[in-house]
Every structure is written in structure tokens, then in C-alpha cells.
Amino acid sequence: MVVWTDQERAYIQDIFSKLNYEEAGPKALQRTLIVYPWTQRYFTSFGNLYNAEAIMSNSKVAAHGVVVLHGLDRAMKNMDDIKKTYAELSVLHSEKLHVDPDNFRLLADCLTIVIAATMGTSFTADVQAAWQKFLAVVVSALCRQYH
């Protein structure tokens, strides 16, 4: 079980309170698909993902980016038991979708870049440390079914 300090909880909650899901979610997923093109194989039903412009204008990519952030919101609301919160998602991504678990880390990194760019100087080292810890726990929970 992960132990969260009050300050870490406050940092995570503050990030989510200021997060524009409709902006950050799509940007993070778009960045992932552009920077790591092999991740596109899981989104073949989304249509044209042939280049950066197509990815940036794809409404299905944008919508799924919002879904991803709402999924992270669930983790934030259940920080004391993220593994249980994500148990079904882990099974879905592992057994049905066959997603390479490394892709969760790639998306987490891209989301961190988007959030850092949005928050600017308020994304201090302490805030980043709490955020990275949070994402590491989320990624671990999503990867649990793979072990």
C-alpha cells in the first residue's frame, strides 16, 4: 500500500482542480500517438492517424484523451486503493485489448509534459514529485494484471 502525505494529496488534488480535461487529455494522447507512433496500433478504429495533423484533428483521439483523464480522476478520488479501483481496467487492457504495458508509462510521461507546460512555474519540483508518484502508482495498478 502506498502512503500519501497530506501535502502530496493536496498537490494532486490541486492539479486536478485546475485541469481542463477537454484540453489536457487530448493533448496528452495526441502527443503520445505522434511521439511514439507504434502506440497507434491500439487505435485502428479511430480512422486516419497517418500524420501529426491527422492525429491532432481526430475527434476520436480527442474524446479518448478526455476519457483517460476521467479515469485518472477516479484514481485521485481513490488514492488509498488505486489498485482495486483499476482492477477491471487492468484486466480489460491486458486480456481484451492486449495493450503493451509500457504504453501506460509513455502516456503518463506525455501527460506530465502537458501539465507542466500548462502549470508553468507552479509545477515545482515538489509538485512534480507528488505527480510522478501518483502516476507511478496508477501505471503499476494498470500493469498489475500483466504480472
N, C-alpha and C. Protein backbone atom coordinates (compact mmCIF):
# COMPACT_ATOMS: atom_id res chain seq x y z
N MET A 1 0.83 -1.18 0.00
CA MET A 1 0.00 0.00 0.00
C MET A 1 0.88 1.25 0.00
N VAL A 2 0.47 2.23 -0.75
CA VAL A 2 1.21 3.47 -0.86
C VAL A 2 0.77 4.41 0.25
N VAL A 3 1.74 5.06 0.84
CA VAL A 3 1.45 6.05 1.88
C VAL A 3 1.58 7.44 1.25
N TRP A 4 0.52 8.22 1.39
CA TRP A 4 0.48 9.58 0.84
C TRP A 4 0.56 10.58 1.98
N THR A 5 1.39 11.57 1.84
CA THR A 5 1.42 12.65 2.81
C THR A 5 0.25 13.59 2.51
N ASP A 6 -0.10 14.38 3.50
CA ASP A 6 -1.16 15.37 3.28
C ASP A 6 -0.76 16.34 2.17
N GLN A 7 0.51 16.69 2.12
CA GLN A 7 0.99 17.62 1.10
C GLN A 7 0.89 17.01 -0.30
N GLU A 8 1.25 15.73 -0.43
CA GLU A 8 1.12 15.06 -1.73
C GLU A 8 -0.33 15.02 -2.18
N ARG A 9 -1.22 14.68 -1.27
CA ARG A 9 -2.64 14.67 -1.60
C ARG A 9 -3.10 16.04 -2.06
N ALA A 10 -2.65 17.06 -1.36
CA ALA A 10 -3.03 18.43 -1.70
C ALA A 10 -2.52 18.81 -3.09
N TYR A 11 -1.29 18.44 -3.40
CA TYR A 11 -0.73 18.74 -4.73
C TYR A 11 -1.54 18.06 -5.83
N ILE A 12 -1.84 16.78 -5.64
CA ILE A 12 -2.59 16.03 -6.65
C ILE A 12 -3.98 16.62 -6.83
N GLN A 13 -4.65 16.89 -5.74
CA GLN A 13 -5.99 17.48 -5.81
C GLN A 13 -5.95 18.85 -6.47
N ASP A 14 -4.92 19.63 -6.19
CA ASP A 14 -4.78 20.95 -6.80
C ASP A 14 -4.61 20.83 -8.31
N ILE A 15 -3.79 19.89 -8.75
CA ILE A 15 -3.62 19.69 -10.19
C ILE A 15 -4.96 19.37 -10.84
N PHE A 16 -5.71 18.43 -10.26
CA PHE A 16 -6.99 18.06 -10.85
C PHE A 16 -8.01 19.19 -10.80
N SER A 17 -7.95 20.01 -9.76
CA SER A 17 -8.92 21.11 -9.65
C SER A 17 -8.71 22.16 -10.73
N LYS A 18 -7.49 22.25 -11.23
CA LYS A 18 -7.16 23.25 -12.25
C LYS A 18 -7.10 22.66 -13.66
N LEU A 19 -7.26 21.36 -13.77
CA LEU A 19 -7.09 20.66 -15.03
C LEU A 19 -8.29 20.85 -15.96
N ASN A 20 -8.01 21.26 -17.17
CA ASN A 20 -9.04 21.34 -18.20
C ASN A 20 -8.99 20.01 -18.96
N TYR A 21 -9.90 19.12 -18.63
CA TYR A 21 -9.90 17.76 -19.18
C TYR A 21 -10.00 17.77 -20.70
N GLU A 22 -10.81 18.68 -21.24
CA GLU A 22 -11.03 18.73 -22.68
C GLU A 22 -9.83 19.27 -23.44
N GLU A 23 -8.89 19.84 -22.72
CA GLU A 23 -7.68 20.33 -23.36
C GLU A 23 -6.49 19.40 -23.08
N ALA A 24 -6.26 19.10 -21.82
CA ALA A 24 -5.08 18.31 -21.44
C ALA A 24 -5.17 16.86 -21.91
N GLY A 25 -6.34 16.25 -21.80
CA GLY A 25 -6.50 14.86 -22.22
C GLY A 25 -6.16 14.64 -23.68
N PRO A 26 -6.81 15.39 -24.57
CA PRO A 26 -6.47 15.24 -25.99
C PRO A 26 -5.00 15.54 -26.30
N LYS A 27 -4.46 16.60 -25.69
CA LYS A 27 -3.06 16.94 -25.96
C LYS A 27 -2.12 15.81 -25.54
N ALA A 28 -2.39 15.20 -24.40
CA ALA A 28 -1.52 14.11 -23.93
C ALA A 28 -1.60 12.90 -24.85
N LEU A 29 -2.80 12.51 -25.23
CA LEU A 29 -2.93 11.35 -26.11
C LEU A 29 -2.40 11.66 -27.50
N GLN A 30 -2.65 12.84 -28.01
CA GLN A 30 -2.11 13.22 -29.32
C GLN A 30 -0.59 13.17 -29.31
N ARG A 31 0.01 13.71 -28.25
CA ARG A 31 1.47 13.71 -28.13
C ARG A 31 2.00 12.27 -28.11
N THR A 32 1.32 11.41 -27.38
CA THR A 32 1.74 10.02 -27.29
C THR A 32 1.72 9.36 -28.67
N LEU A 33 0.64 9.56 -29.40
CA LEU A 33 0.49 8.93 -30.71
C LEU A 33 1.48 9.48 -31.74
N ILE A 34 1.85 10.75 -31.58
CA ILE A 34 2.79 11.36 -32.52
C ILE A 34 4.23 10.99 -32.18
N VAL A 35 4.60 11.12 -30.92
CA VAL A 35 5.97 10.88 -30.50
C VAL A 35 6.32 9.39 -30.51
N TYR A 36 5.34 8.56 -30.18
CA TYR A 36 5.53 7.11 -30.12
C TYR A 36 4.54 6.46 -31.10
N PRO A 37 4.82 6.53 -32.39
CA PRO A 37 3.84 6.09 -33.39
C PRO A 37 3.40 4.64 -33.28
N TRP A 38 4.22 3.78 -32.68
CA TRP A 38 3.81 2.38 -32.53
C TRP A 38 2.59 2.24 -31.61
N THR A 39 2.31 3.25 -30.80
CA THR A 39 1.12 3.19 -29.93
C THR A 39 -0.17 3.31 -30.74
N GLN A 40 -0.07 3.75 -31.96
CA GLN A 40 -1.26 3.93 -32.81
C GLN A 40 -1.96 2.60 -33.10
N ARG A 41 -1.25 1.49 -33.00
CA ARG A 41 -1.84 0.20 -33.36
C ARG A 41 -3.05 -0.16 -32.51
N TYR A 42 -3.18 0.45 -31.35
CA TYR A 42 -4.33 0.17 -30.48
C TYR A 42 -5.54 1.03 -30.83
N PHE A 43 -5.38 1.91 -31.79
CA PHE A 43 -6.44 2.86 -32.13
C PHE A 43 -6.82 2.79 -33.60
N THR A 44 -6.73 1.61 -34.18
CA THR A 44 -7.03 1.46 -35.61
C THR A 44 -8.48 1.82 -35.94
N SER A 45 -9.37 1.68 -34.98
CA SER A 45 -10.77 2.02 -35.23
C SER A 45 -11.02 3.52 -35.21
N PHE A 46 -9.99 4.32 -34.91
CA PHE A 46 -10.15 5.77 -34.82
C PHE A 46 -9.99 6.46 -36.17
N GLY A 47 -9.71 5.70 -37.22
CA GLY A 47 -9.60 6.30 -38.54
C GLY A 47 -8.20 6.78 -38.85
N ASN A 48 -8.11 7.89 -39.54
CA ASN A 48 -6.86 8.42 -40.06
C ASN A 48 -5.93 8.90 -38.93
N LEU A 49 -4.82 8.18 -38.78
CA LEU A 49 -3.77 8.57 -37.84
C LEU A 49 -2.42 8.59 -38.57
N TYR A 50 -2.46 8.96 -39.85
CA TYR A 50 -1.29 8.81 -40.71
C TYR A 50 -0.20 9.85 -40.48
N ASN A 51 -0.55 10.98 -39.88
CA ASN A 51 0.46 12.01 -39.62
C ASN A 51 0.00 12.87 -38.44
N ALA A 52 0.87 13.76 -38.02
CA ALA A 52 0.58 14.58 -36.85
C ALA A 52 -0.69 15.42 -37.05
N GLU A 53 -0.85 15.98 -38.22
CA GLU A 53 -2.03 16.81 -38.49
C GLU A 53 -3.31 15.99 -38.36
N ALA A 54 -3.31 14.78 -38.90
CA ALA A 54 -4.49 13.91 -38.81
C ALA A 54 -4.78 13.54 -37.36
N ILE A 55 -3.75 13.26 -36.60
CA ILE A 55 -3.94 12.90 -35.19
C ILE A 55 -4.50 14.09 -34.42
N MET A 56 -3.94 15.27 -34.66
CA MET A 56 -4.36 16.47 -33.93
C MET A 56 -5.81 16.86 -34.23
N SER A 57 -6.30 16.50 -35.40
CA SER A 57 -7.68 16.87 -35.76
C SER A 57 -8.66 15.71 -35.62
N ASN A 58 -8.22 14.58 -35.08
CA ASN A 58 -9.07 13.41 -34.96
C ASN A 58 -9.95 13.52 -33.71
N SER A 59 -11.25 13.58 -33.92
CA SER A 59 -12.18 13.76 -32.80
C SER A 59 -12.23 12.55 -31.87
N LYS A 60 -11.97 11.36 -32.42
CA LYS A 60 -11.96 10.17 -31.56
C LYS A 60 -10.75 10.16 -30.63
N VAL A 61 -9.63 10.62 -31.12
CA VAL A 61 -8.44 10.73 -30.28
C VAL A 61 -8.71 11.74 -29.16
N ALA A 62 -9.27 12.88 -29.52
CA ALA A 62 -9.58 13.90 -28.52
C ALA A 62 -10.55 13.37 -27.47
N ALA A 63 -11.59 12.69 -27.90
CA ALA A 63 -12.59 12.16 -26.96
C ALA A 63 -11.97 11.12 -26.03
N HIS A 64 -11.10 10.27 -26.57
CA HIS A 64 -10.49 9.25 -25.72
C HIS A 64 -9.51 9.88 -24.73
N GLY A 65 -8.86 10.95 -25.12
CA GLY A 65 -7.99 11.67 -24.20
C GLY A 65 -8.76 12.18 -22.98
N VAL A 66 -9.98 12.64 -23.21
CA VAL A 66 -10.83 13.09 -22.10
C VAL A 66 -11.21 11.91 -21.23
N VAL A 67 -11.52 10.77 -21.84
CA VAL A 67 -11.86 9.55 -21.09
C VAL A 67 -10.69 9.14 -20.19
N VAL A 68 -9.49 9.23 -20.73
CA VAL A 68 -8.30 8.87 -19.95
C VAL A 68 -8.19 9.75 -18.71
N LEU A 69 -8.39 11.04 -18.87
CA LEU A 69 -8.29 11.94 -17.71
C LEU A 69 -9.38 11.67 -16.69
N HIS A 70 -10.57 11.34 -17.15
CA HIS A 70 -11.62 10.98 -16.19
C HIS A 70 -11.26 9.69 -15.45
N GLY A 71 -10.55 8.80 -16.12
CA GLY A 71 -10.06 7.60 -15.46
C GLY A 71 -9.03 7.94 -14.39
N LEU A 72 -8.17 8.90 -14.68
CA LEU A 72 -7.20 9.35 -13.68
C LEU A 72 -7.90 10.05 -12.52
N ASP A 73 -8.96 10.73 -12.83
CA ASP A 73 -9.76 11.38 -11.79
C ASP A 73 -10.27 10.34 -10.79
N ARG A 74 -10.67 9.18 -11.29
CA ARG A 74 -11.09 8.08 -10.40
C ARG A 74 -9.97 7.68 -9.47
N ALA A 75 -8.75 7.63 -9.97
CA ALA A 75 -7.61 7.27 -9.13
C ALA A 75 -7.39 8.34 -8.05
N MET A 76 -7.52 9.61 -8.44
CA MET A 76 -7.33 10.69 -7.48
C MET A 76 -8.36 10.60 -6.36
N LYS A 77 -9.57 10.23 -6.70
CA LYS A 77 -10.64 10.13 -5.71
C LYS A 77 -10.51 8.88 -4.84
N ASN A 78 -9.68 7.94 -5.26
CA ASN A 78 -9.49 6.67 -4.54
C ASN A 78 -8.00 6.42 -4.31
N MET A 79 -7.28 7.43 -3.88
CA MET A 79 -5.82 7.32 -3.76
C MET A 79 -5.37 6.24 -2.78
N ASP A 80 -6.22 5.86 -1.85
CA ASP A 80 -5.82 4.85 -0.87
C ASP A 80 -5.98 3.43 -1.39
N ASP A 81 -6.61 3.27 -2.55
CA ASP A 81 -6.76 1.93 -3.12
C ASP A 81 -6.87 2.00 -4.65
N ILE A 82 -5.84 2.54 -5.26
CA ILE A 82 -5.83 2.69 -6.71
C ILE A 82 -5.81 1.34 -7.40
N LYS A 83 -5.12 0.36 -6.82
CA LYS A 83 -5.07 -0.97 -7.45
C LYS A 83 -6.47 -1.58 -7.57
N LYS A 84 -7.25 -1.48 -6.53
CA LYS A 84 -8.62 -2.01 -6.58
C LYS A 84 -9.47 -1.20 -7.56
N THR A 85 -9.30 0.10 -7.54
CA THR A 85 -10.04 0.99 -8.43
C THR A 85 -9.78 0.64 -9.89
N TYR A 86 -8.56 0.23 -10.20
CA TYR A 86 -8.17 -0.05 -11.58
C TYR A 86 -8.14 -1.54 -11.93
N ALA A 87 -8.63 -2.39 -11.06
CA ALA A 87 -8.57 -3.83 -11.31
C ALA A 87 -9.24 -4.21 -12.63
N GLU A 88 -10.45 -3.71 -12.87
CA GLU A 88 -11.16 -4.05 -14.11
C GLU A 88 -10.46 -3.46 -15.33
N LEU A 89 -9.96 -2.24 -15.21
CA LEU A 89 -9.25 -1.63 -16.34
C LEU A 89 -7.98 -2.39 -16.67
N SER A 90 -7.31 -2.92 -15.66
CA SER A 90 -6.11 -3.71 -15.88
C SER A 90 -6.44 -4.97 -16.67
N VAL A 91 -7.50 -5.64 -16.28
CA VAL A 91 -7.93 -6.85 -16.99
C VAL A 91 -8.32 -6.50 -18.43
N LEU A 92 -9.08 -5.44 -18.61
CA LEU A 92 -9.51 -5.03 -19.95
C LEU A 92 -8.31 -4.76 -20.85
N HIS A 93 -7.37 -3.95 -20.37
CA HIS A 93 -6.22 -3.60 -21.19
C HIS A 93 -5.28 -4.78 -21.43
N SER A 94 -5.22 -5.69 -20.48
CA SER A 94 -4.34 -6.85 -20.60
C SER A 94 -4.95 -7.95 -21.46
N GLU A 95 -6.14 -8.38 -21.09
CA GLU A 95 -6.72 -9.58 -21.70
C GLU A 95 -7.55 -9.34 -22.95
N LYS A 96 -8.20 -8.19 -23.04
CA LYS A 96 -9.04 -7.94 -24.20
C LYS A 96 -8.33 -7.06 -25.24
N LEU A 97 -7.73 -5.97 -24.77
CA LEU A 97 -7.11 -5.04 -25.70
C LEU A 97 -5.65 -5.36 -26.00
N HIS A 98 -5.01 -6.16 -25.15
CA HIS A 98 -3.61 -6.57 -25.31
C HIS A 98 -2.66 -5.38 -25.48
N VAL A 99 -2.86 -4.39 -24.65
CA VAL A 99 -2.03 -3.19 -24.69
C VAL A 99 -0.67 -3.48 -24.04
N ASP A 100 0.38 -3.09 -24.71
CA ASP A 100 1.72 -3.20 -24.15
C ASP A 100 1.77 -2.31 -22.91
N PRO A 101 2.09 -2.86 -21.74
CA PRO A 101 2.06 -2.07 -20.51
C PRO A 101 3.03 -0.89 -20.51
N ASP A 102 4.08 -0.93 -21.32
CA ASP A 102 4.99 0.21 -21.40
C ASP A 102 4.29 1.46 -21.94
N ASN A 103 3.22 1.26 -22.67
CA ASN A 103 2.49 2.40 -23.23
C ASN A 103 1.84 3.25 -22.15
N PHE A 104 1.50 2.66 -21.03
CA PHE A 104 0.94 3.44 -19.92
C PHE A 104 1.98 4.44 -19.42
N ARG A 105 3.23 4.01 -19.36
CA ARG A 105 4.31 4.90 -18.92
C ARG A 105 4.53 6.03 -19.93
N LEU A 106 4.46 5.69 -21.20
CA LEU A 106 4.65 6.70 -22.24
C LEU A 106 3.56 7.76 -22.16
N LEU A 107 2.32 7.32 -22.00
CA LEU A 107 1.21 8.26 -21.88
C LEU A 107 1.35 9.11 -20.62
N ALA A 108 1.78 8.49 -19.53
CA ALA A 108 1.98 9.24 -18.28
C ALA A 108 3.05 10.32 -18.47
N ASP A 109 4.11 9.99 -19.18
CA ASP A 109 5.16 10.98 -19.44
C ASP A 109 4.62 12.13 -20.29
N CYS A 110 3.85 11.80 -21.30
CA CYS A 110 3.28 12.84 -22.15
C CYS A 110 2.30 13.72 -21.37
N LEU A 111 1.53 13.12 -20.51
CA LEU A 111 0.60 13.89 -19.69
C LEU A 111 1.37 14.82 -18.76
N THR A 112 2.47 14.35 -18.21
CA THR A 112 3.29 15.18 -17.34
C THR A 112 3.81 16.40 -18.09
N ILE A 113 4.23 16.22 -19.32
CA ILE A 113 4.72 17.33 -20.14
C ILE A 113 3.60 18.34 -20.37
N VAL A 114 2.41 17.85 -20.68
CA VAL A 114 1.27 18.75 -20.93
C VAL A 114 0.93 19.53 -19.66
N ILE A 115 0.90 18.85 -18.54
CA ILE A 115 0.57 19.52 -17.27
C ILE A 115 1.66 20.51 -16.89
N ALA A 116 2.90 20.15 -17.06
CA ALA A 116 4.00 21.06 -16.75
C ALA A 116 3.91 22.32 -17.61
N ALA A 117 3.62 22.15 -18.88
CA ALA A 117 3.50 23.30 -19.78
C ALA A 117 2.33 24.18 -19.38
N THR A 118 1.26 23.57 -18.94
CA THR A 118 0.07 24.32 -18.54
C THR A 118 0.29 25.06 -17.22
N MET A 119 0.91 24.40 -16.26
CA MET A 119 1.09 24.99 -14.94
C MET A 119 2.26 25.96 -14.86
N GLY A 120 3.21 25.82 -15.75
CA GLY A 120 4.35 26.73 -15.75
C GLY A 120 5.15 26.64 -14.46
N THR A 121 5.49 27.78 -13.88
CA THR A 121 6.35 27.81 -12.71
C THR A 121 5.69 27.23 -11.46
N SER A 122 4.38 27.06 -11.47
CA SER A 122 3.73 26.46 -10.30
C SER A 122 3.90 24.93 -10.28
N PHE A 123 4.44 24.37 -11.36
CA PHE A 123 4.76 22.94 -11.39
C PHE A 123 6.17 22.79 -10.84
N THR A 124 6.28 22.99 -9.54
CA THR A 124 7.56 22.95 -8.85
C THR A 124 8.08 21.51 -8.76
N ALA A 125 9.29 21.38 -8.28
CA ALA A 125 9.87 20.04 -8.11
C ALA A 125 9.04 19.22 -7.12
N ASP A 126 8.55 19.85 -6.05
CA ASP A 126 7.74 19.12 -5.07
C ASP A 126 6.41 18.67 -5.68
N VAL A 127 5.80 19.53 -6.47
CA VAL A 127 4.55 19.17 -7.14
C VAL A 127 4.81 18.03 -8.13
N GLN A 128 5.88 18.16 -8.89
CA GLN A 128 6.21 17.11 -9.85
C GLN A 128 6.48 15.79 -9.15
N ALA A 129 7.18 15.82 -8.03
CA ALA A 129 7.47 14.58 -7.30
C ALA A 129 6.19 13.88 -6.88
N ALA A 130 5.23 14.64 -6.37
CA ALA A 130 3.94 14.06 -5.98
C ALA A 130 3.20 13.52 -7.20
N TRP A 131 3.23 14.28 -8.29
CA TRP A 131 2.54 13.88 -9.52
C TRP A 131 3.17 12.60 -10.10
N GLN A 132 4.50 12.55 -10.12
CA GLN A 132 5.18 11.36 -10.63
C GLN A 132 4.88 10.14 -9.76
N LYS A 133 4.82 10.33 -8.47
CA LYS A 133 4.48 9.23 -7.56
C LYS A 133 3.06 8.74 -7.86
N PHE A 134 2.14 9.68 -8.03
CA PHE A 134 0.75 9.34 -8.33
C PHE A 134 0.68 8.53 -9.64
N LEU A 135 1.34 9.03 -10.67
CA LEU A 135 1.30 8.32 -11.96
C LEU A 135 1.98 6.96 -11.88
N ALA A 136 3.04 6.84 -11.10
CA ALA A 136 3.71 5.55 -10.94
C ALA A 136 2.77 4.53 -10.30
N VAL A 137 1.98 4.98 -9.34
CA VAL A 137 1.02 4.08 -8.69
C VAL A 137 -0.08 3.70 -9.69
N VAL A 138 -0.54 4.65 -10.47
CA VAL A 138 -1.57 4.37 -11.49
C VAL A 138 -1.05 3.37 -12.51
N VAL A 139 0.15 3.61 -13.02
CA VAL A 139 0.74 2.70 -14.02
C VAL A 139 0.92 1.31 -13.42
N SER A 140 1.38 1.24 -12.20
CA SER A 140 1.55 -0.05 -11.54
C SER A 140 0.21 -0.79 -11.43
N ALA A 141 -0.83 -0.05 -11.08
CA ALA A 141 -2.16 -0.66 -10.96
C ALA A 141 -2.66 -1.15 -12.32
N LEU A 142 -2.44 -0.38 -13.36
CA LEU A 142 -2.86 -0.80 -14.70
C LEU A 142 -2.06 -2.01 -15.18
N CYS A 143 -0.83 -2.13 -14.75
CA CYS A 143 0.04 -3.22 -15.18
C CYS A 143 -0.13 -4.47 -14.30
N ARG A 144 -0.88 -4.37 -13.27
CA ARG A 144 -0.99 -5.47 -12.30
C ARG A 144 -1.40 -6.79 -12.94
N GLN A 145 -2.35 -6.75 -13.85
CA GLN A 145 -2.86 -7.97 -14.48
C GLN A 145 -1.79 -8.65 -15.34
N TYR A 146 -0.80 -7.90 -15.75
CA TYR A 146 0.25 -8.43 -16.62
C TYR A 146 1.23 -9.29 -15.87
N HIS A 147 1.31 -9.15 -14.56
CA HIS A 147 2.32 -9.87 -13.76
C HIS A 147 1.87 -11.28 -13.45
